C-alpha atoms as a PDB file:
ATOM      1  CA  MET A   1       2.766  -9.391   4.700  1.00  0.00           C
ATOM      2  CA  ILE A   2       4.313  -6.643   6.762  1.00  0.00           C
ATOM      3  CA  VAL A   3       2.094  -3.686   7.636  1.00  0.00           C
ATOM      4  CA  THR A   4       2.754  -0.200   8.925  1.00  0.00           C
ATOM      5  CA  GLU A   5       0.681   2.828   9.800  1.00  0.00           C
ATOM      6  CA  ALA A   6      -1.344   4.242   6.904  1.00  0.00           C
ATOM      7  CA  ASN A   7       0.018   7.115   4.849  1.00  0.00           C
ATOM      8  CA  ALA A   8      -1.953  10.383   4.612  1.00  0.00           C
ATOM      9  CA  LEU A   9      -3.918   9.195   1.589  1.00  0.00           C
ATOM     10  CA  LEU A  10      -5.081   5.920   3.127  1.00  0.00           C
ATOM     11  CA  ALA A  11      -5.520   7.046   6.737  1.00  0.00           C
ATOM     12  CA  PRO A  12      -9.146   8.159   6.187  1.00  0.00           C
ATOM     13  CA  ILE A  13      -9.914   4.619   4.951  1.00  0.00           C
ATOM     14  CA  HIS A  14      -7.889   2.444   7.347  1.00  0.00           C
ATOM     15  CA  ASP A  15      -5.218   2.834  10.022  1.00  0.00           C
ATOM     16  CA  ARG A  16      -2.773   0.331   8.464  1.00  0.00           C
ATOM     17  CA  MET A  17      -1.341  -0.448   5.052  1.00  0.00           C
ATOM     18  CA  PRO A  18       1.171  -2.911   3.603  1.00  0.00           C
ATOM     19  CA  VAL A  19       4.804  -1.839   3.585  1.00  0.00           C
ATOM     20  CA  ILE A  20       5.647  -0.974  -0.021  1.00  0.00           C
ATOM     21  CA  LEU A  21       9.341  -0.624  -0.729  1.00  0.00           C
ATOM     22  CA  ALA A  22      10.620   1.998  -3.132  1.00  0.00           C
ATOM     23  CA  PRO A  23      12.749   0.511  -5.940  1.00  0.00           C
ATOM     24  CA  GLU A  24      15.849   2.175  -4.508  1.00  0.00           C
ATOM     25  CA  ASP A  25      15.319   0.198  -1.274  1.00  0.00           C
ATOM     26  CA  TYR A  26      15.124  -3.277  -2.862  1.00  0.00           C
ATOM     27  CA  GLY A  27      18.848  -3.918  -2.444  1.00  0.00           C
ATOM     28  CA  ASN A  28      18.816  -2.986   1.238  1.00  0.00           C
ATOM     29  CA  TRP A  29      15.864  -5.290   1.883  1.00  0.00           C
ATOM     30  CA  LEU A  30      17.427  -8.178  -0.022  1.00  0.00           C
ATOM     31  CA  ALA A  31      20.686  -7.675   1.893  1.00  0.00           C
ATOM     32  CA  SER A  32      18.797  -8.699   5.026  1.00  0.00           C
ATOM     33  CA  GLY A  33      18.994 -12.299   3.819  1.00  0.00           C
ATOM     34  CA  ASP A  34      22.764 -12.427   4.040  1.00  0.00           C
ATOM     35  CA  GLY A  35      23.053 -10.454   7.274  1.00  0.00           C
ATOM     36  CA  SER A  36      24.853  -7.491   5.707  1.00  0.00           C
ATOM     37  CA  ALA A  37      22.065  -5.001   6.487  1.00  0.00           C
ATOM     38  CA  SER A  38      21.769  -3.625   9.989  1.00  0.00           C
ATOM     39  CA  LYS A  39      18.582  -4.015  11.977  1.00  0.00           C
ATOM     40  CA  ALA A  40      18.235  -0.220  12.111  1.00  0.00           C
ATOM     41  CA  ALA A  41      18.566   0.049   8.313  1.00  0.00           C
ATOM     42  CA  LEU A  42      15.836  -2.559   7.813  1.00  0.00           C
ATOM     43  CA  LEU A  43      13.493  -0.992  10.360  1.00  0.00           C
ATOM     44  CA  ALA A  44      13.887   2.344   8.572  1.00  0.00           C
ATOM     45  CA  LEU A  45      12.321   0.749   5.472  1.00  0.00           C
ATOM     46  CA  LEU A  46       9.135  -0.174   7.352  1.00  0.00           C
ATOM     47  CA  LYS A  47       7.396   3.154   6.865  1.00  0.00           C
ATOM     48  CA  PRO A  48       4.250   4.334   5.080  1.00  0.00           C
ATOM     49  CA  ALA A  49       4.647   4.599   1.304  1.00  0.00           C
ATOM     50  CA  ASP A  50       5.136   7.993  -0.314  1.00  0.00           C
ATOM     51  CA  THR A  51       1.790   9.282  -1.636  1.00  0.00           C
ATOM     52  CA  ARG A  52       3.112  11.329  -4.570  1.00  0.00           C
ATOM     53  CA  CYS A  53       2.380   8.592  -7.122  1.00  0.00           C
ATOM     54  CA  TRP A  54      -0.915   7.464  -5.586  1.00  0.00           C
ATOM     55  CA  GLU A  55      -4.534   8.146  -6.391  1.00  0.00           C
ATOM     56  CA  ALA A  56      -7.581   7.192  -4.328  1.00  0.00           C
ATOM     57  CA  TYR A  57     -11.157   6.939  -5.527  1.00  0.00           C
ATOM     58  CA  PRO A  58     -14.264   4.961  -4.530  1.00  0.00           C
ATOM     59  CA  ILE A  59     -14.955   1.666  -6.319  1.00  0.00           C
ATOM     60  CA  SER A  60     -17.843  -0.784  -6.243  1.00  0.00           C
ATOM     61  CA  ARG A  61     -18.461  -2.737  -3.043  1.00  0.00           C
ATOM     62  CA  ALA A  62     -19.071  -5.713  -5.332  1.00  0.00           C
ATOM     63  CA  LEU A  63     -15.289  -6.150  -5.209  1.00  0.00           C
ATOM     64  CA  ASN A  64     -15.696  -7.489  -1.659  1.00  0.00           C
ATOM     65  CA  SER A  65     -17.077 -10.782  -2.998  1.00  0.00           C
ATOM     66  CA  SER A  66     -14.796 -13.331  -4.658  1.00  0.00           C
ATOM     67  CA  ALA A  67     -17.809 -14.331  -6.790  1.00  0.00           C
ATOM     68  CA  ASN A  68     -17.323 -11.084  -8.717  1.00  0.00           C
ATOM     69  CA  ASP A  69     -14.385 -10.974 -11.119  1.00  0.00           C
ATOM     70  CA  SER A  70     -14.389  -8.164 -13.627  1.00  0.00           C
ATOM     71  CA  PRO A  71     -11.987  -5.338 -14.493  1.00  0.00           C
ATOM     72  CA  GLU A  72     -14.928  -2.937 -14.273  1.00  0.00           C
ATOM     73  CA  LEU A  73     -14.951  -3.435 -10.497  1.00  0.00           C
ATOM     74  CA  LEU A  74     -11.872  -1.207 -10.310  1.00  0.00           C
ATOM     75  CA  GLU A  75     -13.480   1.677 -12.200  1.00  0.00           C
ATOM     76  CA  PRO A  76     -14.320   4.787 -10.170  1.00  0.00           C
ATOM     77  CA  ILE A  77     -17.937   5.108  -9.098  1.00  0.00           C
ATOM     78  CA  ALA A  78     -19.980   8.225  -8.463  1.00  0.00           C
ATOM     79  CA  THR A  79     -20.097   9.189  -4.787  1.00  0.00           C
ATOM     80  CA  GLY A  80     -23.313  11.149  -4.988  1.00  0.00           C
ATOM     81  CA  ALA A  81     -21.562  14.456  -4.370  1.00  0.00           C
ATOM     82  CA  PRO A  82     -21.884  17.074  -7.127  1.00  0.00           C
END
């Protein structure tokens, strides 16, 4: 896994995040295997993901245990704030 600095949405939670390529960048990344992509072009892809299609909300801490396996773990939980 390749990580980069967190985007604005995730920065309050953690300082890093996985690199997530936009679909339009798949070809450039795959071109790295045959040497046709420049190092600069590849490094330009290693940036925080765009937040426009993202949503963040608190979920149960029970997700931290592999003993728990339920789709409900991904449901938003109340934060106690009105």
